[in-house]
N, C-alpha and C. Protein backbone atom coordinates (compact mmCIF):
# COMPACT_ATOMS: atom_id res chain seq x y z
N UNK A 1 -26.66 -55.09 67.57
CA UNK A 1 -28.09 -55.88 68.42
C UNK A 1 -28.74 -55.17 67.92
N UNK A 2 -29.09 -53.73 68.93
CA UNK A 2 -30.43 -52.39 68.77
C UNK A 2 -31.23 -52.38 67.82
N UNK A 3 -30.42 -52.11 66.37
CA UNK A 3 -30.46 -52.12 65.22
C UNK A 3 -31.91 -52.90 64.62
N UNK A 4 -31.09 -54.01 64.86
CA UNK A 4 -32.09 -55.08 64.69
C UNK A 4 -33.24 -55.66 65.37
N UNK A 5 -33.07 -55.30 66.70
CA UNK A 5 -34.13 -55.11 67.39
C UNK A 5 -34.82 -54.26 67.05
N UNK A 6 -34.98 -52.97 67.07
CA UNK A 6 -36.03 -51.86 66.75
C UNK A 6 -35.98 -52.43 64.76
N UNK A 7 -35.72 -52.86 64.10
CA UNK A 7 -36.11 -53.13 62.75
C UNK A 7 -37.58 -54.30 62.91
N UNK A 8 -37.17 -55.64 63.75
CA UNK A 8 -37.84 -56.34 64.03
C UNK A 8 -39.31 -55.77 65.13
N UNK A 9 -39.31 -54.61 65.95
CA UNK A 9 -40.55 -54.33 66.65
C UNK A 9 -41.34 -53.58 65.72
N UNK A 10 -40.63 -53.25 64.72
CA UNK A 10 -41.51 -52.21 63.81
C UNK A 10 -42.31 -53.13 62.98
N UNK A 11 -41.35 -53.99 62.93
CA UNK A 11 -42.14 -55.24 61.79
C UNK A 11 -43.36 -55.97 62.12
N UNK A 12 -42.85 -56.43 63.29
CA UNK A 12 -44.14 -56.85 64.43
C UNK A 12 -45.30 -56.70 64.42
N UNK A 13 -44.99 -55.33 64.72
CA UNK A 13 -46.15 -54.02 64.87
C UNK A 13 -46.79 -53.58 63.62
N UNK A 14 -46.50 -53.84 62.69
CA UNK A 14 -46.83 -53.23 61.22
C UNK A 14 -48.16 -54.47 61.36
N UNK A 15 -47.10 -55.71 61.40
CA UNK A 15 -47.98 -57.28 61.10
C UNK A 15 -49.18 -57.24 62.26
N UNK A 16 -49.73 -56.68 63.58
CA UNK A 16 -50.37 -56.68 64.16
C UNK A 16 -51.75 -55.41 63.77
N UNK A 17 -51.15 -54.21 63.32
CA UNK A 17 -51.93 -53.44 63.00
C UNK A 17 -52.77 -53.71 61.64
N UNK A 18 -51.62 -53.79 60.86
CA UNK A 18 -52.25 -54.10 59.32
C UNK A 18 -53.66 -55.10 59.46
N UNK A 19 -53.01 -56.02 60.45
CA UNK A 19 -54.10 -57.26 60.47
C UNK A 19 -54.86 -57.20 61.04
N UNK A 20 -55.47 -56.02 61.97
CA UNK A 20 -56.17 -55.84 62.98
C UNK A 20 -57.06 -54.31 62.34
N UNK A 21 -56.80 -53.87 61.81
CA UNK A 21 -57.67 -53.00 60.52
C UNK A 21 -58.76 -53.51 60.41
N UNK A 22 -59.76 -52.35 60.49
CA UNK A 22 -60.89 -52.84 59.58
C UNK A 22 -61.03 -52.94 58.67
N UNK A 23 -61.56 -53.68 57.32
CA UNK A 23 -60.96 -53.50 56.04
C UNK A 23 -60.10 -53.65 55.46
N UNK A 24 -58.79 -53.68 56.14
CA UNK A 24 -57.73 -53.93 55.39
C UNK A 24 -58.03 -54.80 54.96
N UNK A 25 -57.15 -55.28 53.50
CA UNK A 25 -56.96 -56.66 53.11
C UNK A 25 -56.02 -56.43 51.65
N UNK A 26 -55.89 -57.39 50.77
CA UNK A 26 -55.03 -57.15 50.01
C UNK A 26 -55.61 -56.10 48.63
N UNK A 27 -54.55 -54.89 48.36
CA UNK A 27 -55.32 -53.86 47.73
C UNK A 27 -56.59 -53.10 48.41
N UNK A 28 -56.19 -53.30 50.01
CA UNK A 28 -57.15 -52.72 50.41
C UNK A 28 -57.94 -51.28 49.45
N UNK A 29 -59.44 -51.06 49.55
CA UNK A 29 -60.54 -50.40 49.07
C UNK A 29 -59.89 -49.91 47.91
N UNK A 30 -59.44 -51.21 47.12
CA UNK A 30 -59.66 -51.50 45.71
C UNK A 30 -58.67 -50.25 45.35
N UNK A 31 -56.93 -50.01 45.87
CA UNK A 31 -56.44 -49.33 45.84
C UNK A 31 -55.28 -49.73 44.52
N UNK A 32 -54.96 -49.00 43.57
CA UNK A 32 -53.92 -49.34 42.38
C UNK A 32 -52.67 -50.22 42.85
N UNK A 33 -52.31 -50.09 43.95
CA UNK A 33 -51.13 -50.52 44.61
C UNK A 33 -50.93 -50.68 46.18
N UNK A 34 -49.97 -51.69 46.92
CA UNK A 34 -50.42 -51.91 47.73
C UNK A 34 -49.80 -50.90 48.97
N UNK A 35 -50.93 -50.84 49.61
CA UNK A 35 -50.99 -49.86 51.13
C UNK A 35 -50.48 -50.19 52.04
N UNK A 36 -51.03 -51.87 52.53
CA UNK A 36 -50.35 -52.42 53.63
C UNK A 36 -49.16 -53.32 53.63
N UNK A 37 -48.44 -52.73 54.19
CA UNK A 37 -47.17 -54.02 54.17
C UNK A 37 -46.40 -53.62 54.90
N UNK A 38 -44.95 -54.47 55.36
CA UNK A 38 -43.79 -54.54 56.15
C UNK A 38 -42.90 -54.18 55.27
N UNK A 39 -42.00 -54.01 55.28
CA UNK A 39 -40.79 -53.58 54.20
C UNK A 39 -38.90 -53.68 54.74
N UNK A 40 -38.24 -54.43 54.53
CA UNK A 40 -37.00 -54.48 54.58
C UNK A 40 -36.42 -54.04 53.54
N UNK A 41 -35.22 -52.98 53.85
CA UNK A 41 -34.21 -52.31 52.24
C UNK A 41 -32.82 -52.47 52.87
N UNK A 42 -32.02 -52.91 51.94
CA UNK A 42 -30.35 -53.09 52.09
C UNK A 42 -30.18 -52.00 50.92
N UNK A 43 -29.29 -50.88 51.06
CA UNK A 43 -28.38 -50.51 49.66
C UNK A 43 -27.35 -50.14 50.42
N UNK A 44 -26.58 -49.15 49.42
CA UNK A 44 -25.61 -48.61 49.45
C UNK A 44 -25.62 -46.97 48.99
N UNK A 45 -25.30 -45.95 50.22
CA UNK A 45 -24.96 -44.47 49.68
C UNK A 45 -23.74 -44.08 49.96
N UNK A 46 -23.79 -43.42 48.72
CA UNK A 46 -22.44 -42.79 48.10
C UNK A 46 -22.61 -40.96 48.70
N UNK A 47 -21.67 -40.54 49.57
CA UNK A 47 -21.46 -39.54 49.37
C UNK A 47 -20.77 -38.84 48.77
N UNK A 48 -21.24 -37.94 47.74
CA UNK A 48 -20.53 -37.87 46.70
C UNK A 48 -19.21 -36.77 46.83
N UNK A 49 -19.23 -35.91 47.70
CA UNK A 49 -18.57 -34.81 47.58
C UNK A 49 -17.56 -35.14 48.51
N UNK A 50 -17.48 -36.03 49.16
CA UNK A 50 -16.07 -36.25 50.03
C UNK A 50 -15.91 -38.22 49.92
N UNK A 51 -16.93 -38.74 48.98
CA UNK A 51 -16.63 -39.81 48.47
C UNK A 51 -16.09 -40.54 49.62
N UNK A 52 -17.15 -41.21 49.99
CA UNK A 52 -17.31 -42.13 51.48
C UNK A 52 -18.49 -42.90 51.30
N UNK A 53 -18.94 -44.15 51.40
CA UNK A 53 -19.82 -44.93 51.27
C UNK A 53 -20.04 -45.68 52.19
N UNK A 54 -20.99 -45.80 52.43
CA UNK A 54 -22.15 -46.28 53.81
C UNK A 54 -23.27 -47.24 52.89
N UNK A 55 -23.13 -48.48 54.02
CA UNK A 55 -24.47 -49.56 53.85
C UNK A 55 -25.92 -48.96 54.48
N UNK A 56 -27.03 -49.14 53.71
CA UNK A 56 -27.75 -48.31 54.53
C UNK A 56 -29.04 -49.93 54.58
N UNK A 57 -29.33 -49.95 56.06
CA UNK A 57 -30.56 -50.84 56.32
C UNK A 57 -32.02 -50.23 56.80
N UNK A 58 -32.90 -50.75 56.12
CA UNK A 58 -34.54 -49.97 56.50
C UNK A 58 -35.27 -50.60 56.60
N UNK A 59 -35.97 -50.73 58.10
CA UNK A 59 -37.32 -51.43 58.03
C UNK A 59 -38.65 -50.29 58.68
N UNK A 60 -39.62 -51.10 58.42
CA UNK A 60 -40.55 -50.35 58.90
C UNK A 60 -41.78 -50.73 57.97
N UNK A 61 -42.60 -49.35 57.51
CA UNK A 61 -44.07 -49.89 56.22
C UNK A 61 -44.56 -48.69 56.46
N UNK A 62 -46.07 -49.62 55.88
CA UNK A 62 -47.33 -48.51 56.02
C UNK A 62 -48.29 -49.14 56.17
N UNK A 63 -49.68 -48.31 56.22
CA UNK A 63 -50.85 -48.69 56.80
C UNK A 63 -51.85 -47.86 56.59
N UNK A 64 -53.17 -48.73 56.06
CA UNK A 64 -54.31 -47.38 56.01
C UNK A 64 -54.96 -47.61 56.98
N UNK A 65 -55.30 -46.13 56.85
CA UNK A 65 -56.15 -45.81 58.00
C UNK A 65 -57.69 -46.11 57.59
N UNK A 66 -57.63 -45.61 56.23
CA UNK A 66 -59.38 -45.71 55.45
C UNK A 66 -58.80 -45.47 54.40
N UNK A 67 -59.71 -45.09 53.03
CA UNK A 67 -59.66 -45.03 52.10
C UNK A 67 -58.33 -44.08 51.37
N UNK A 68 -58.45 -43.03 52.17
CA UNK A 68 -57.69 -41.72 52.01
C UNK A 68 -56.53 -41.88 52.75
N UNK A 69 -56.54 -42.06 54.00
CA UNK A 69 -55.24 -41.78 55.10
C UNK A 69 -54.86 -42.70 55.35
N UNK A 70 -53.10 -42.75 55.19
CA UNK A 70 -52.22 -43.59 55.15
C UNK A 70 -51.29 -43.17 56.62
N UNK A 71 -50.61 -43.94 57.21
CA UNK A 71 -49.98 -43.80 57.82
C UNK A 71 -48.23 -44.85 57.58
N UNK A 72 -47.53 -43.84 58.05
CA UNK A 72 -46.07 -45.12 57.79
C UNK A 72 -45.12 -44.45 59.04
N UNK A 73 -44.40 -45.67 59.47
CA UNK A 73 -42.92 -45.40 60.10
C UNK A 73 -41.31 -46.48 59.84
N UNK A 74 -40.38 -46.00 59.42
CA UNK A 74 -39.42 -46.32 59.50
C UNK A 74 -38.07 -46.05 60.21
N UNK A 75 -37.56 -47.13 60.46
CA UNK A 75 -35.80 -47.21 60.96
C UNK A 75 -35.05 -46.81 60.07
N UNK A 76 -34.39 -45.77 60.04
CA UNK A 76 -32.83 -46.18 58.94
C UNK A 76 -31.99 -45.55 59.46
N UNK A 77 -30.83 -46.88 58.95
CA UNK A 77 -29.76 -47.13 59.74
C UNK A 77 -28.30 -46.77 58.79
N UNK A 78 -27.45 -46.10 58.64
CA UNK A 78 -26.27 -46.00 57.91
C UNK A 78 -25.05 -46.05 58.57
N UNK A 79 -24.73 -47.30 58.08
CA UNK A 79 -23.09 -47.11 58.58
C UNK A 79 -22.05 -47.31 57.85
N UNK A 80 -21.34 -46.26 58.43
CA UNK A 80 -20.32 -46.09 57.86
C UNK A 80 -18.98 -46.61 58.41
N UNK A 81 -18.02 -47.36 57.49
CA UNK A 81 -16.92 -47.87 57.42
C UNK A 81 -15.52 -47.71 56.46
N UNK A 82 -15.14 -46.52 57.03
CA UNK A 82 -13.79 -46.14 56.08
C UNK A 82 -12.41 -46.32 56.78
N UNK A 83 -11.73 -45.56 56.40
CA UNK A 83 -10.48 -46.00 56.92
C UNK A 83 -10.25 -44.66 57.85
N UNK A 84 -10.85 -44.01 57.34
CA UNK A 84 -10.89 -43.08 58.36
C UNK A 84 -12.00 -41.96 58.90
N UNK A 85 -13.13 -42.85 59.02
CA UNK A 85 -14.37 -42.44 59.53
C UNK A 85 -14.45 -43.46 59.56
N UNK A 86 -15.49 -44.13 60.83
CA UNK A 86 -16.79 -45.24 61.14
C UNK A 86 -17.60 -44.79 62.18
N UNK A 87 -18.74 -45.39 62.05
CA UNK A 87 -20.02 -45.02 63.07
C UNK A 87 -21.41 -45.29 62.15
N UNK A 88 -22.27 -45.13 63.05
CA UNK A 88 -23.66 -45.48 62.55
C UNK A 88 -24.57 -43.80 62.57
N UNK A 89 -24.80 -43.69 61.72
CA UNK A 89 -25.85 -42.59 61.66
C UNK A 89 -27.18 -43.39 61.49
N UNK A 90 -28.52 -42.64 62.42
CA UNK A 90 -29.69 -43.22 62.39
C UNK A 90 -30.73 -42.57 62.26
N UNK A 91 -32.26 -42.56 61.96
CA UNK A 91 -33.36 -41.72 62.01
C UNK A 91 -34.40 -42.14 62.13
N UNK A 92 -35.44 -41.94 63.06
CA UNK A 92 -36.62 -42.90 63.29
C UNK A 92 -37.67 -41.45 62.16
N UNK A 93 -38.71 -42.37 61.54
CA UNK A 93 -39.15 -41.27 60.78
C UNK A 93 -41.05 -41.41 61.37
N UNK A 94 -41.87 -41.08 61.65
CA UNK A 94 -43.56 -41.34 61.34
C UNK A 94 -43.92 -40.21 60.94
N UNK A 95 -44.71 -40.42 59.74
CA UNK A 95 -45.70 -39.82 59.12
C UNK A 95 -47.10 -40.03 58.69
N UNK A 96 -47.89 -39.21 57.98
CA UNK A 96 -49.23 -39.22 57.92
C UNK A 96 -49.48 -38.96 56.60
N UNK A 97 -50.01 -38.86 55.80
CA UNK A 97 -50.21 -39.37 53.92
C UNK A 97 -51.67 -39.08 53.70
N UNK A 98 -52.28 -38.27 52.77
CA UNK A 98 -53.76 -38.21 52.21
C UNK A 98 -53.42 -39.00 50.62
N UNK A 99 -54.11 -39.88 50.42
CA UNK A 99 -54.82 -40.71 48.70
C UNK A 99 -55.60 -39.33 48.28
N UNK A 100 -54.66 -39.31 47.08
CA UNK A 100 -55.74 -38.71 45.98
C UNK A 100 -55.76 -39.60 44.68
N UNK A 101 -57.04 -40.43 44.30
CA UNK A 101 -57.13 -41.00 43.00
C UNK A 101 -56.75 -40.55 42.58
N UNK A 102 -56.12 -40.11 41.13
CA UNK A 102 -55.88 -39.67 40.13
C UNK A 102 -56.61 -40.44 38.94
N UNK A 103 -56.69 -41.91 38.87
CA UNK A 103 -56.71 -42.18 37.56
C UNK A 103 -56.98 -43.53 38.04
N UNK A 104 -57.29 -44.82 37.42
CA UNK A 104 -57.59 -46.32 37.75
C UNK A 104 -56.37 -46.55 37.93
N UNK A 105 -55.06 -46.49 37.80
CA UNK A 105 -54.16 -46.94 38.10
C UNK A 105 -53.05 -46.14 39.12
N UNK A 106 -53.97 -44.79 39.15
CA UNK A 106 -52.49 -44.10 39.71
C UNK A 106 -53.17 -43.28 40.82
N UNK A 107 -52.54 -43.00 41.73
CA UNK A 107 -52.35 -42.47 43.22
C UNK A 107 -51.66 -41.19 43.55
N UNK A 108 -52.01 -40.08 43.38
CA UNK A 108 -50.94 -39.25 44.38
C UNK A 108 -51.45 -39.35 45.44
N UNK A 109 -50.19 -39.24 46.37
CA UNK A 109 -50.14 -39.42 48.23
C UNK A 109 -49.17 -38.12 48.64
N UNK A 110 -49.86 -37.32 49.13
CA UNK A 110 -49.21 -36.03 50.01
C UNK A 110 -49.24 -35.92 51.84
N UNK A 111 -47.65 -35.74 52.26
CA UNK A 111 -48.16 -35.75 53.50
C UNK A 111 -47.60 -35.34 54.36
N UNK A 112 -46.92 -35.55 55.75
CA UNK A 112 -45.70 -35.06 56.42
C UNK A 112 -45.70 -35.79 57.35
N UNK A 113 -44.70 -35.70 58.47
CA UNK A 113 -44.54 -36.16 59.20
C UNK A 113 -43.09 -35.66 60.42
N UNK A 114 -42.57 -36.03 61.23
CA UNK A 114 -41.77 -36.32 61.92
C UNK A 114 -40.55 -37.01 62.40
N UNK A 115 -39.28 -36.27 62.52
CA UNK A 115 -37.77 -37.32 62.27
C UNK A 115 -37.44 -37.05 63.34
N UNK A 116 -36.78 -38.34 63.91
CA UNK A 116 -35.86 -37.99 65.16
C UNK A 116 -34.21 -38.95 64.70
N UNK A 117 -33.55 -37.82 64.69
CA UNK A 117 -31.85 -38.24 63.97
C UNK A 117 -30.93 -38.39 65.02
N UNK A 118 -30.00 -39.53 64.84
CA UNK A 118 -28.59 -39.41 66.09
C UNK A 118 -27.32 -40.02 65.32
N UNK A 119 -26.48 -39.69 65.18
CA UNK A 119 -25.59 -40.52 64.92
C UNK A 119 -24.06 -40.23 65.71
N UNK A 120 -23.23 -41.41 65.60
CA UNK A 120 -22.28 -41.47 66.76
C UNK A 120 -20.98 -41.96 65.56
N UNK A 121 -20.02 -40.91 65.26
CA UNK A 121 -18.98 -40.98 64.39
C UNK A 121 -17.88 -41.25 64.90
N UNK A 122 -16.64 -42.01 64.85
CA UNK A 122 -15.37 -41.89 64.97
C UNK A 122 -14.33 -41.08 63.81
N UNK A 123 -13.53 -40.43 64.20
CA UNK A 123 -12.29 -40.25 63.46
C UNK A 123 -11.10 -40.48 63.80
N UNK A 124 -9.83 -40.23 63.31
CA UNK A 124 -8.49 -41.29 63.63
C UNK A 124 -8.52 -40.53 65.35
N UNK A 125 -8.90 -39.22 65.40
CA UNK A 125 -8.57 -38.75 66.90
C UNK A 125 -9.53 -37.79 67.76
N UNK A 126 -10.97 -38.37 67.01
CA UNK A 126 -12.19 -37.50 67.43
C UNK A 126 -13.62 -38.62 67.13
N UNK A 127 -14.22 -38.33 68.26
CA UNK A 127 -15.89 -38.81 68.54
C UNK A 127 -16.46 -37.81 68.08
N UNK A 128 -17.50 -37.77 67.32
CA UNK A 128 -18.55 -36.87 67.05
C UNK A 128 -19.85 -37.41 67.18
N UNK A 129 -21.00 -36.94 68.14
CA UNK A 129 -21.40 -37.58 68.51
C UNK A 129 -23.16 -36.16 68.27
N UNK A 130 -24.64 -36.38 68.03
CA UNK A 130 -25.52 -35.28 67.82
C UNK A 130 -27.12 -36.13 68.04
N UNK A 131 -27.49 -35.57 67.84
CA UNK A 131 -29.18 -35.79 67.65
C UNK A 131 -30.23 -34.61 67.27
N UNK A 132 -31.10 -35.47 66.97
CA UNK A 132 -31.70 -33.44 66.69
C UNK A 132 -33.36 -34.54 65.90
N UNK A 133 -34.61 -33.37 66.64
CA UNK A 133 -35.87 -33.57 66.00
C UNK A 133 -36.07 -33.19 64.39
N UNK A 134 -36.54 -33.38 63.57
CA UNK A 134 -37.17 -32.27 62.51
C UNK A 134 -38.45 -32.78 62.18
N UNK A 135 -39.31 -32.23 60.85
CA UNK A 135 -39.81 -32.20 60.25
C UNK A 135 -39.71 -32.29 58.70
N UNK A 136 -41.00 -32.97 58.69
CA UNK A 136 -40.54 -33.72 56.59
C UNK A 136 -42.04 -33.52 56.34
N UNK A 137 -42.00 -32.96 54.75
CA UNK A 137 -42.77 -33.08 54.01
C UNK A 137 -42.55 -33.84 52.76
N UNK A 138 -43.54 -34.64 52.37
CA UNK A 138 -43.43 -35.72 50.92
C UNK A 138 -44.88 -35.88 50.28
N UNK A 139 -44.52 -36.27 48.80
CA UNK A 139 -44.95 -36.40 47.98
C UNK A 139 -44.69 -37.34 46.94
N UNK A 140 -45.96 -38.54 46.42
CA UNK A 140 -45.64 -39.45 45.60
C UNK A 140 -46.47 -39.43 44.55
N UNK A 141 -45.86 -40.27 43.52
CA UNK A 141 -47.22 -40.81 42.80
C UNK A 141 -46.83 -42.40 42.58
N UNK A 142 -47.83 -42.83 42.72
CA UNK A 142 -47.65 -43.82 42.72
C UNK A 142 -48.84 -44.61 41.91
N UNK A 143 -48.20 -45.90 40.88
CA UNK A 143 -48.69 -46.56 39.53
C UNK A 143 -48.98 -47.96 39.57
N UNK A 144 -50.06 -48.54 39.61
CA UNK A 144 -49.76 -50.18 39.32
C UNK A 144 -50.48 -50.55 37.98
N UNK A 145 -48.46 -51.16 37.50
CA UNK A 145 -48.86 -51.22 36.05
C UNK A 145 -49.76 -52.49 35.65
N UNK A 146 -49.61 -53.61 36.62
CA UNK A 146 -50.55 -54.63 37.19
C UNK A 146 -50.65 -55.07 38.11
N UNK A 147 -51.89 -55.88 38.36
CA UNK A 147 -51.74 -56.75 40.27
C UNK A 147 -50.72 -56.97 40.59
N UNK A 148 -49.45 -57.35 39.63
CA UNK A 148 -48.25 -57.93 40.34
C UNK A 148 -47.05 -56.55 40.29
N UNK A 149 -47.15 -55.72 39.85
CA UNK A 149 -46.00 -55.02 39.22
C UNK A 149 -46.36 -53.47 39.59
N UNK A 150 -45.70 -52.75 40.36
CA UNK A 150 -46.22 -51.49 40.72
C UNK A 150 -44.69 -50.37 40.60
N UNK A 151 -44.89 -49.22 40.66
CA UNK A 151 -43.82 -48.21 40.48
C UNK A 151 -43.76 -47.06 41.15
N UNK A 152 -43.29 -46.00 41.81
CA UNK A 152 -43.48 -44.96 42.56
C UNK A 152 -42.42 -43.98 42.25
N UNK A 153 -42.64 -42.81 42.30
CA UNK A 153 -41.33 -41.64 42.18
C UNK A 153 -42.02 -40.53 43.35
N UNK A 154 -41.30 -40.12 44.21
CA UNK A 154 -41.55 -39.35 45.09
C UNK A 154 -40.28 -38.55 45.31
N UNK A 155 -40.97 -36.71 45.90
CA UNK A 155 -40.52 -35.91 46.06
C UNK A 155 -40.34 -35.67 47.69
N UNK A 156 -39.76 -35.51 48.48
CA UNK A 156 -39.67 -35.32 50.33
C UNK A 156 -38.55 -33.94 50.49
N UNK A 157 -38.59 -33.38 51.45
CA UNK A 157 -37.83 -32.48 52.47
C UNK A 157 -37.96 -32.76 53.45
N UNK A 158 -36.51 -32.81 54.27
CA UNK A 158 -36.54 -32.94 56.19
C UNK A 158 -35.66 -32.15 56.47
N UNK A 159 -35.93 -31.37 57.26
CA UNK A 159 -35.09 -30.45 58.05
C UNK A 159 -34.76 -30.91 59.32
N UNK A 160 -33.49 -31.34 59.12
CA UNK A 160 -32.39 -31.79 60.62
C UNK A 160 -31.42 -31.15 60.55
N UNK A 161 -30.46 -30.83 61.45
CA UNK A 161 -29.25 -30.56 62.12
C UNK A 161 -29.20 -28.90 61.83
N UNK A 162 -30.22 -28.16 61.77
CA UNK A 162 -29.99 -27.07 60.99
C UNK A 162 -29.53 -27.08 59.01
N UNK A 163 -30.51 -27.82 58.47
CA UNK A 163 -30.02 -27.96 57.15
C UNK A 163 -31.64 -28.52 56.61
N UNK A 164 -31.96 -28.37 55.64
CA UNK A 164 -33.02 -28.84 54.66
C UNK A 164 -32.64 -30.01 53.54
N UNK A 165 -32.60 -31.13 53.51
CA UNK A 165 -32.53 -32.28 52.81
C UNK A 165 -33.18 -32.22 51.77
N UNK A 166 -33.66 -32.19 50.45
CA UNK A 166 -34.86 -32.92 49.69
C UNK A 166 -34.24 -34.41 48.84
N UNK A 167 -34.95 -35.02 48.71
CA UNK A 167 -34.53 -35.91 48.08
C UNK A 167 -35.75 -36.59 47.09
N UNK A 168 -35.43 -36.77 45.81
CA UNK A 168 -36.02 -37.43 44.32
C UNK A 168 -35.57 -38.94 44.65
N UNK A 169 -36.79 -39.35 44.62
CA UNK A 169 -36.63 -41.28 45.01
C UNK A 169 -37.76 -41.87 43.76
N UNK A 170 -37.03 -43.22 43.32
CA UNK A 170 -38.10 -44.07 42.33
C UNK A 170 -37.93 -45.65 42.86
N UNK A 171 -38.88 -45.93 42.79
CA UNK A 171 -38.81 -47.90 42.88
C UNK A 171 -40.08 -48.22 42.12
N UNK A 172 -39.75 -50.04 41.82
CA UNK A 172 -40.44 -50.87 41.67
C UNK A 172 -40.20 -51.96 42.36
N UNK A 173 -41.80 -52.80 42.25
CA UNK A 173 -41.85 -54.18 43.21
C UNK A 173 -42.28 -54.68 42.48
N UNK A 174 -42.48 -55.85 42.39
CA UNK A 174 -42.92 -57.10 41.89
C UNK A 174 -43.24 -57.91 42.94
N UNK A 175 -44.53 -58.50 42.60
CA UNK A 175 -45.57 -59.61 43.68
C UNK A 175 -45.25 -60.77 43.46
N UNK A 176 -45.07 -61.97 43.40
CA UNK A 176 -44.69 -63.19 43.00
C UNK A 176 -46.09 -63.91 43.63
N UNK A 177 -46.33 -63.66 44.91
CA UNK A 177 -47.48 -63.96 45.56
C UNK A 177 -48.24 -62.68 46.19
N UNK A 178 -49.59 -63.36 46.37
CA UNK A 178 -50.70 -62.03 47.39
C UNK A 178 -49.72 -61.06 48.09
N UNK A 179 -48.63 -61.79 49.10
CA UNK A 179 -48.62 -61.50 50.48
C UNK A 179 -47.09 -61.04 50.29
N UNK A 180 -46.26 -61.30 49.11
CA UNK A 180 -44.54 -61.34 49.00
C UNK A 180 -44.79 -60.34 47.92
N UNK A 181 -43.33 -59.06 47.87
CA UNK A 181 -42.68 -58.89 46.83
C UNK A 181 -41.82 -58.65 47.74
N UNK A 182 -40.90 -57.80 46.01
CA UNK A 182 -39.37 -57.72 45.91
C UNK A 182 -39.20 -56.83 45.27
N UNK A 183 -37.98 -55.38 45.66
CA UNK A 183 -38.09 -54.68 44.25
C UNK A 183 -35.97 -54.23 44.32
N UNK A 184 -36.90 -52.74 43.85
CA UNK A 184 -35.39 -52.14 43.93
C UNK A 184 -35.63 -50.68 43.84
N UNK A 185 -34.73 -49.42 44.37
CA UNK A 185 -34.93 -48.26 44.53
C UNK A 185 -33.81 -47.47 44.13
N UNK A 186 -33.70 -46.09 43.94
CA UNK A 186 -32.75 -45.22 44.20
C UNK A 186 -33.40 -43.78 44.53
N UNK A 187 -32.49 -43.19 44.55
CA UNK A 187 -32.48 -41.99 45.41
C UNK A 187 -31.37 -41.02 45.33
N UNK A 188 -31.82 -39.60 45.04
CA UNK A 188 -30.87 -38.30 45.06
C UNK A 188 -31.27 -37.46 45.92
N UNK A 189 -29.69 -37.35 47.02
CA UNK A 189 -30.44 -36.57 47.68
C UNK A 189 -29.40 -34.97 47.89
N UNK A 190 -29.99 -33.85 48.05
CA UNK A 190 -29.46 -32.54 48.14
C UNK A 190 -29.53 -32.18 49.02
N UNK A 191 -28.59 -31.74 49.82
CA UNK A 191 -28.13 -31.16 51.16
C UNK A 191 -26.62 -30.10 51.21
N UNK A 192 -26.33 -29.88 52.38
CA UNK A 192 -24.91 -29.64 52.14
C UNK A 192 -23.71 -30.20 51.56
N UNK A 193 -23.80 -31.59 51.63
CA UNK A 193 -23.35 -32.79 50.52
C UNK A 193 -24.41 -33.45 49.76
N UNK A 194 -23.85 -33.88 48.62
CA UNK A 194 -25.06 -34.65 47.74
C UNK A 194 -24.52 -36.33 48.24
N UNK A 195 -25.92 -36.58 48.03
CA UNK A 195 -25.56 -38.48 48.22
C UNK A 195 -26.58 -38.85 47.11
N UNK A 196 -26.47 -39.95 46.78
CA UNK A 196 -26.90 -41.04 45.57
C UNK A 196 -26.70 -42.05 46.30
N UNK A 197 -28.29 -43.15 46.33
CA UNK A 197 -28.49 -44.40 47.08
C UNK A 197 -29.17 -45.72 46.05
N UNK A 198 -29.05 -46.40 45.85
CA UNK A 198 -29.50 -47.67 45.44
C UNK A 198 -29.72 -48.67 46.32
N UNK A 199 -30.32 -49.50 46.42
CA UNK A 199 -30.65 -50.72 47.19
C UNK A 199 -32.25 -51.50 46.53
N UNK A 200 -32.17 -52.30 47.23
CA UNK A 200 -33.43 -53.38 46.96
C UNK A 200 -34.21 -53.75 48.19
N UNK A 201 -35.34 -54.55 47.90
CA UNK A 201 -36.27 -54.70 49.01
C UNK A 201 -37.00 -55.58 48.72
N UNK A 202 -37.81 -56.01 50.52
CA UNK A 202 -38.52 -57.14 50.30
C UNK A 202 -39.73 -56.67 50.71
N UNK A 203 -41.05 -56.78 50.98
CA UNK A 203 -42.47 -56.80 51.14
C UNK A 203 -43.25 -57.83 51.44
N UNK A 204 -44.05 -57.13 52.60
CA UNK A 204 -44.39 -58.33 53.33
C UNK A 204 -46.15 -57.83 53.05
N UNK A 205 -46.94 -58.40 52.24
CA UNK A 205 -48.24 -57.68 52.60
C UNK A 205 -48.97 -58.23 53.44
N UNK A 206 -49.97 -57.45 53.94
CA UNK A 206 -50.82 -57.91 55.05
C UNK A 206 -52.50 -57.91 54.78
N UNK A 207 -53.13 -59.15 54.91
CA UNK A 207 -54.69 -59.22 54.66
C UNK A 207 -55.64 -58.36 55.38
């Protein structure tokens, strides 16, 4: 329930903020991809080294401050339900990025942010909880193939729990209408343990 309320709150915040932004519109500032949107993702993460799978739910989005500056905020929850391990690992991230137009259809986006993470996990005979604040850096290339089809590849690093995790990701999105899109994403994270992820998402763009 707390996860659902948190995701709903983030989506409402984005719908209000993006709508009220001066100049915010579909493909605001004639960008090659969409930057004003709320997003919901559902997927699966596999922790390769210890053979554990987690269901991942993410909610949040992005918005343009002006033609170069972009902000983002997301909640990500990973639900583990194995015979020997159950629980929820969560993270809230807030970031600001700068957009560099590279070509007519290509942007480079570079930024950073802060993260707050917490988890509550149960094993056969123990309960483990912890929380931490961390910093992140990230970059991505975003390409608009057409007005309805866009893709991105990204590289990010975040330091939490005295460890730095590096993630390589990619996604594609298709927009059948002006304000609605869907797509798929993949990611590979290297840390103390390696994880691989795949998921599907829907996007709600704001005029």
